[in-house]
């Protein structure tokens, strides 16, 4: 299961994490977001202890969406050492294996 990231916990959970972090920027009304949501949850389960996986609801966390210049949904952002390492926009190429490989490459 993916964690829920908010402006209150983002700094501690993502930016200060000693593990690579996958952040799924999504919205309840976004159909493609709902398609990849279960993949993100599965990756969270599979990588527990080696990486953090979480979601940011852009409707309730608009400040975070602005900070990371999220213009399209879904957008997946990979962080390493508190910095953006890679960004994936849309659903092309989004598979559980592809997400796990990207996290493993950042470890």
N, C-alpha and C. Protein backbone atom coordinates (compact mmCIF):
# COMPACT_ATOMS: atom_id res chain seq x y z
N UNK A 1 0.83 -1.19 0.00
CA UNK A 1 0.00 0.00 0.00
C UNK A 1 0.88 1.25 0.00
N UNK A 2 0.47 2.22 -0.75
CA UNK A 2 1.23 3.46 -0.84
C UNK A 2 0.92 4.36 0.35
N UNK A 3 1.91 5.12 0.75
CA UNK A 3 1.75 6.12 1.81
C UNK A 3 0.99 7.32 1.25
N UNK A 4 0.45 8.14 2.12
CA UNK A 4 -0.19 9.40 1.71
C UNK A 4 0.76 10.53 2.09
N UNK A 5 1.24 11.26 1.08
CA UNK A 5 2.13 12.39 1.34
C UNK A 5 1.32 13.68 1.30
N UNK A 6 1.59 14.54 2.28
CA UNK A 6 0.93 15.85 2.37
C UNK A 6 2.00 16.91 2.60
N UNK A 7 1.59 18.16 2.56
CA UNK A 7 2.56 19.23 2.82
C UNK A 7 3.11 19.12 4.25
N UNK A 8 2.33 18.49 5.15
CA UNK A 8 2.78 18.34 6.53
C UNK A 8 3.89 17.28 6.69
N UNK A 9 3.84 16.21 5.88
CA UNK A 9 4.84 15.15 6.07
C UNK A 9 5.82 15.01 4.90
N UNK A 10 5.68 15.80 3.86
CA UNK A 10 6.49 15.63 2.65
C UNK A 10 7.98 15.80 2.93
N UNK A 11 8.32 16.81 3.71
CA UNK A 11 9.74 17.06 4.00
C UNK A 11 10.37 15.86 4.71
N UNK A 12 9.71 15.37 5.75
CA UNK A 12 10.26 14.25 6.53
C UNK A 12 10.23 12.94 5.75
N UNK A 13 9.13 12.67 5.07
CA UNK A 13 8.94 11.37 4.40
C UNK A 13 9.68 11.27 3.06
N UNK A 14 9.77 12.38 2.34
CA UNK A 14 10.33 12.34 0.98
C UNK A 14 11.70 13.01 0.93
N UNK A 15 11.76 14.28 1.29
CA UNK A 15 13.00 15.03 1.10
C UNK A 15 14.11 14.60 2.03
N UNK A 16 13.78 14.11 3.23
CA UNK A 16 14.80 13.67 4.17
C UNK A 16 14.98 12.15 4.19
N UNK A 17 14.32 11.45 3.29
CA UNK A 17 14.40 10.00 3.27
C UNK A 17 15.79 9.53 2.83
N UNK A 18 16.29 8.49 3.51
CA UNK A 18 17.56 7.90 3.08
C UNK A 18 17.33 6.80 2.06
N UNK A 19 16.09 6.56 1.69
CA UNK A 19 15.73 5.59 0.65
C UNK A 19 15.21 6.35 -0.57
N UNK A 20 15.28 5.74 -1.75
CA UNK A 20 14.63 6.37 -2.90
C UNK A 20 13.12 6.42 -2.66
N UNK A 21 12.48 7.44 -3.24
CA UNK A 21 11.05 7.65 -3.02
C UNK A 21 10.34 7.83 -4.36
N UNK A 22 9.23 7.12 -4.53
CA UNK A 22 8.34 7.29 -5.68
C UNK A 22 7.13 8.06 -5.18
N UNK A 23 6.81 9.18 -5.86
CA UNK A 23 5.64 9.97 -5.50
C UNK A 23 4.71 10.02 -6.71
N UNK A 24 3.50 9.52 -6.52
CA UNK A 24 2.46 9.53 -7.54
C UNK A 24 1.56 10.73 -7.30
N UNK A 25 1.65 11.74 -8.18
CA UNK A 25 0.75 12.88 -8.11
C UNK A 25 -0.51 12.51 -8.89
N UNK A 26 -1.67 12.53 -8.22
CA UNK A 26 -2.90 12.01 -8.79
C UNK A 26 -4.09 12.85 -8.33
N UNK A 27 -5.27 12.54 -8.89
CA UNK A 27 -6.52 13.15 -8.45
C UNK A 27 -7.64 12.12 -8.58
N UNK A 28 -8.62 12.24 -7.72
CA UNK A 28 -9.75 11.30 -7.71
C UNK A 28 -10.50 11.27 -9.04
N UNK A 29 -10.59 12.39 -9.72
CA UNK A 29 -11.35 12.51 -10.96
C UNK A 29 -10.57 12.05 -12.20
N UNK A 30 -9.32 11.69 -12.02
CA UNK A 30 -8.42 11.35 -13.14
C UNK A 30 -8.50 9.86 -13.47
N UNK A 31 -9.10 9.52 -14.60
CA UNK A 31 -9.23 8.12 -15.01
C UNK A 31 -7.90 7.38 -15.12
N UNK A 32 -6.92 7.95 -15.86
CA UNK A 32 -5.62 7.27 -15.95
C UNK A 32 -4.95 7.08 -14.58
N UNK A 33 -5.19 8.02 -13.66
CA UNK A 33 -4.63 7.88 -12.31
C UNK A 33 -5.20 6.64 -11.63
N UNK A 34 -6.49 6.42 -11.83
CA UNK A 34 -7.14 5.25 -11.23
C UNK A 34 -6.60 3.96 -11.84
N UNK A 35 -6.20 4.02 -13.12
CA UNK A 35 -5.63 2.84 -13.77
C UNK A 35 -4.29 2.44 -13.16
N UNK A 36 -3.43 3.42 -12.89
CA UNK A 36 -2.10 3.08 -12.38
C UNK A 36 -2.04 3.01 -10.86
N UNK A 37 -3.08 3.48 -10.19
CA UNK A 37 -3.11 3.45 -8.72
C UNK A 37 -2.79 2.09 -8.13
N UNK A 38 -3.45 1.02 -8.62
CA UNK A 38 -3.14 -0.31 -8.08
C UNK A 38 -1.69 -0.74 -8.33
N UNK A 39 -1.10 -0.30 -9.44
CA UNK A 39 0.32 -0.61 -9.71
C UNK A 39 1.21 0.07 -8.68
N UNK A 40 0.90 1.32 -8.38
CA UNK A 40 1.69 2.06 -7.40
C UNK A 40 1.57 1.39 -6.03
N UNK A 41 0.35 0.98 -5.67
CA UNK A 41 0.16 0.27 -4.39
C UNK A 41 0.97 -1.02 -4.35
N UNK A 42 0.96 -1.77 -5.45
CA UNK A 42 1.70 -3.03 -5.51
C UNK A 42 3.20 -2.79 -5.37
N UNK A 43 3.71 -1.75 -6.03
CA UNK A 43 5.12 -1.42 -5.93
C UNK A 43 5.45 -1.05 -4.48
N UNK A 44 4.56 -0.33 -3.84
CA UNK A 44 4.76 0.02 -2.43
C UNK A 44 4.90 -1.21 -1.55
N UNK A 45 4.05 -2.20 -1.81
CA UNK A 45 4.13 -3.46 -1.05
C UNK A 45 5.42 -4.20 -1.34
N UNK A 46 5.80 -4.25 -2.62
CA UNK A 46 6.96 -5.03 -3.04
C UNK A 46 8.30 -4.41 -2.64
N UNK A 47 8.33 -3.11 -2.42
CA UNK A 47 9.60 -2.44 -2.13
C UNK A 47 9.70 -1.97 -0.69
N UNK A 48 8.76 -2.38 0.15
CA UNK A 48 8.77 -1.96 1.55
C UNK A 48 10.11 -2.32 2.19
N UNK A 49 10.72 -1.33 2.83
CA UNK A 49 12.01 -1.54 3.48
C UNK A 49 13.20 -1.11 2.62
N UNK A 50 13.00 -1.01 1.30
CA UNK A 50 14.09 -0.58 0.43
C UNK A 50 13.79 0.73 -0.27
N UNK A 51 12.52 1.11 -0.33
CA UNK A 51 12.11 2.36 -0.96
C UNK A 51 10.79 2.80 -0.35
N UNK A 52 10.48 4.07 -0.51
CA UNK A 52 9.18 4.59 -0.08
C UNK A 52 8.34 4.86 -1.31
N UNK A 53 7.07 4.54 -1.21
CA UNK A 53 6.14 4.78 -2.31
C UNK A 53 4.92 5.46 -1.72
N UNK A 54 4.54 6.57 -2.33
CA UNK A 54 3.38 7.29 -1.81
C UNK A 54 2.69 8.11 -2.87
N UNK A 55 1.56 8.68 -2.46
CA UNK A 55 0.72 9.44 -3.37
C UNK A 55 0.45 10.83 -2.80
N UNK A 56 0.30 11.78 -3.73
CA UNK A 56 -0.10 13.14 -3.38
C UNK A 56 -1.37 13.44 -4.16
N UNK A 57 -2.46 13.71 -3.44
CA UNK A 57 -3.72 14.12 -4.06
C UNK A 57 -3.57 15.61 -4.40
N UNK A 58 -3.50 15.91 -5.70
CA UNK A 58 -3.22 17.29 -6.10
C UNK A 58 -4.36 18.25 -5.77
N UNK A 59 -5.57 17.74 -5.60
CA UNK A 59 -6.69 18.62 -5.24
C UNK A 59 -6.57 19.12 -3.81
N UNK A 60 -6.15 18.25 -2.91
CA UNK A 60 -6.02 18.67 -1.51
C UNK A 60 -4.61 19.16 -1.17
N UNK A 61 -3.66 18.93 -2.05
CA UNK A 61 -2.26 19.33 -1.82
C UNK A 61 -1.76 20.20 -2.98
N UNK A 62 -2.49 21.27 -3.25
CA UNK A 62 -2.18 22.11 -4.40
C UNK A 62 -0.80 22.77 -4.30
N UNK A 63 -0.38 23.08 -3.10
CA UNK A 63 0.94 23.71 -2.93
C UNK A 63 2.06 22.77 -3.38
N UNK A 64 1.96 21.48 -3.02
CA UNK A 64 2.97 20.51 -3.46
C UNK A 64 2.93 20.37 -4.99
N UNK A 65 1.74 20.33 -5.56
CA UNK A 65 1.63 20.22 -7.02
C UNK A 65 2.28 21.41 -7.70
N UNK A 66 2.10 22.60 -7.15
CA UNK A 66 2.74 23.80 -7.72
C UNK A 66 4.25 23.74 -7.54
N UNK A 67 4.70 23.33 -6.37
CA UNK A 67 6.13 23.27 -6.09
C UNK A 67 6.85 22.40 -7.11
N UNK A 68 6.23 21.27 -7.48
CA UNK A 68 6.87 20.34 -8.41
C UNK A 68 6.34 20.49 -9.84
N UNK A 69 5.67 21.61 -10.10
CA UNK A 69 5.25 21.99 -11.45
C UNK A 69 4.44 20.87 -12.14
N UNK A 70 3.49 20.30 -11.40
CA UNK A 70 2.67 19.23 -11.95
C UNK A 70 1.60 19.84 -12.84
N UNK A 71 1.68 19.55 -14.14
CA UNK A 71 0.75 20.12 -15.10
C UNK A 71 -0.17 19.06 -15.71
N UNK A 72 0.24 17.80 -15.68
CA UNK A 72 -0.55 16.70 -16.23
C UNK A 72 -0.62 15.58 -15.21
N UNK A 73 -1.71 14.83 -15.27
CA UNK A 73 -1.88 13.69 -14.37
C UNK A 73 -2.08 12.43 -15.18
N UNK A 74 -1.62 11.31 -14.69
CA UNK A 74 -0.76 11.17 -13.52
C UNK A 74 0.68 11.58 -13.82
N UNK A 75 1.36 12.05 -12.80
CA UNK A 75 2.80 12.32 -12.88
C UNK A 75 3.47 11.58 -11.74
N UNK A 76 4.47 10.79 -12.07
CA UNK A 76 5.24 10.06 -11.06
C UNK A 76 6.62 10.69 -10.99
N UNK A 77 7.01 11.07 -9.78
CA UNK A 77 8.31 11.72 -9.57
C UNK A 77 9.14 10.83 -8.64
N UNK A 78 10.36 10.54 -9.06
CA UNK A 78 11.30 9.74 -8.26
C UNK A 78 12.27 10.70 -7.59
N UNK A 79 12.46 10.51 -6.29
CA UNK A 79 13.38 11.34 -5.51
C UNK A 79 14.52 10.49 -4.99
N UNK A 80 15.70 11.08 -4.97
CA UNK A 80 16.86 10.45 -4.32
C UNK A 80 17.62 11.55 -3.61
N UNK A 81 17.88 11.34 -2.33
CA UNK A 81 18.61 12.33 -1.57
C UNK A 81 17.93 13.68 -1.51
N UNK A 82 16.60 13.68 -1.51
CA UNK A 82 15.85 14.92 -1.43
C UNK A 82 15.71 15.69 -2.72
N UNK A 83 16.23 15.13 -3.80
CA UNK A 83 16.18 15.81 -5.11
C UNK A 83 15.41 14.96 -6.11
N UNK A 84 14.78 15.64 -7.06
CA UNK A 84 14.08 14.95 -8.14
C UNK A 84 15.11 14.25 -9.01
N UNK A 85 14.95 12.93 -9.17
CA UNK A 85 15.88 12.15 -9.99
C UNK A 85 15.30 11.85 -11.36
N UNK A 86 13.98 11.69 -11.44
CA UNK A 86 13.33 11.37 -12.71
C UNK A 86 11.85 11.65 -12.58
N UNK A 87 11.22 11.95 -13.72
CA UNK A 87 9.78 12.21 -13.76
C UNK A 87 9.17 11.43 -14.92
N UNK A 88 8.02 10.82 -14.66
CA UNK A 88 7.25 10.14 -15.70
C UNK A 88 5.86 10.79 -15.74
N UNK A 89 5.43 11.22 -16.94
CA UNK A 89 4.13 11.86 -17.09
C UNK A 89 3.25 10.96 -17.96
N UNK A 90 2.01 10.74 -17.49
CA UNK A 90 1.09 9.90 -18.24
C UNK A 90 1.25 8.44 -17.87
N UNK A 91 0.64 7.58 -18.67
CA UNK A 91 0.65 6.15 -18.35
C UNK A 91 1.57 5.33 -19.26
N UNK A 92 2.14 5.94 -20.28
CA UNK A 92 3.01 5.20 -21.19
C UNK A 92 4.23 4.67 -20.44
N UNK A 93 4.46 3.37 -20.53
CA UNK A 93 5.63 2.77 -19.92
C UNK A 93 5.48 2.51 -18.43
N UNK A 94 4.31 2.82 -17.87
CA UNK A 94 4.11 2.62 -16.43
C UNK A 94 3.63 1.19 -16.19
N UNK A 95 4.55 0.38 -15.70
CA UNK A 95 4.23 -0.97 -15.25
C UNK A 95 4.86 -1.14 -13.88
N UNK A 96 4.38 -2.11 -13.12
CA UNK A 96 4.95 -2.35 -11.80
C UNK A 96 6.44 -2.65 -11.93
N UNK A 97 6.81 -3.47 -12.90
CA UNK A 97 8.23 -3.82 -13.08
C UNK A 97 9.07 -2.59 -13.43
N UNK A 98 8.56 -1.73 -14.31
CA UNK A 98 9.31 -0.54 -14.70
C UNK A 98 9.51 0.38 -13.50
N UNK A 99 8.48 0.55 -12.68
CA UNK A 99 8.61 1.40 -11.49
C UNK A 99 9.60 0.83 -10.50
N UNK A 100 9.55 -0.50 -10.30
CA UNK A 100 10.50 -1.15 -9.37
C UNK A 100 11.93 -1.03 -9.89
N UNK A 101 12.12 -1.16 -11.20
CA UNK A 101 13.46 -1.03 -11.78
C UNK A 101 14.03 0.37 -11.56
N UNK A 102 13.19 1.38 -11.74
CA UNK A 102 13.66 2.76 -11.56
C UNK A 102 14.04 2.99 -10.09
N UNK A 103 13.24 2.47 -9.17
CA UNK A 103 13.57 2.61 -7.75
C UNK A 103 14.87 1.87 -7.41
N UNK A 104 15.03 0.67 -7.95
CA UNK A 104 16.24 -0.11 -7.68
C UNK A 104 17.47 0.61 -8.23
N UNK A 105 17.34 1.26 -9.36
CA UNK A 105 18.48 1.97 -9.94
C UNK A 105 18.89 3.17 -9.08
N UNK A 106 17.97 3.68 -8.29
CA UNK A 106 18.28 4.83 -7.43
C UNK A 106 18.81 4.41 -6.06
N UNK A 107 18.67 3.14 -5.74
CA UNK A 107 19.07 2.68 -4.39
C UNK A 107 20.57 2.75 -4.19
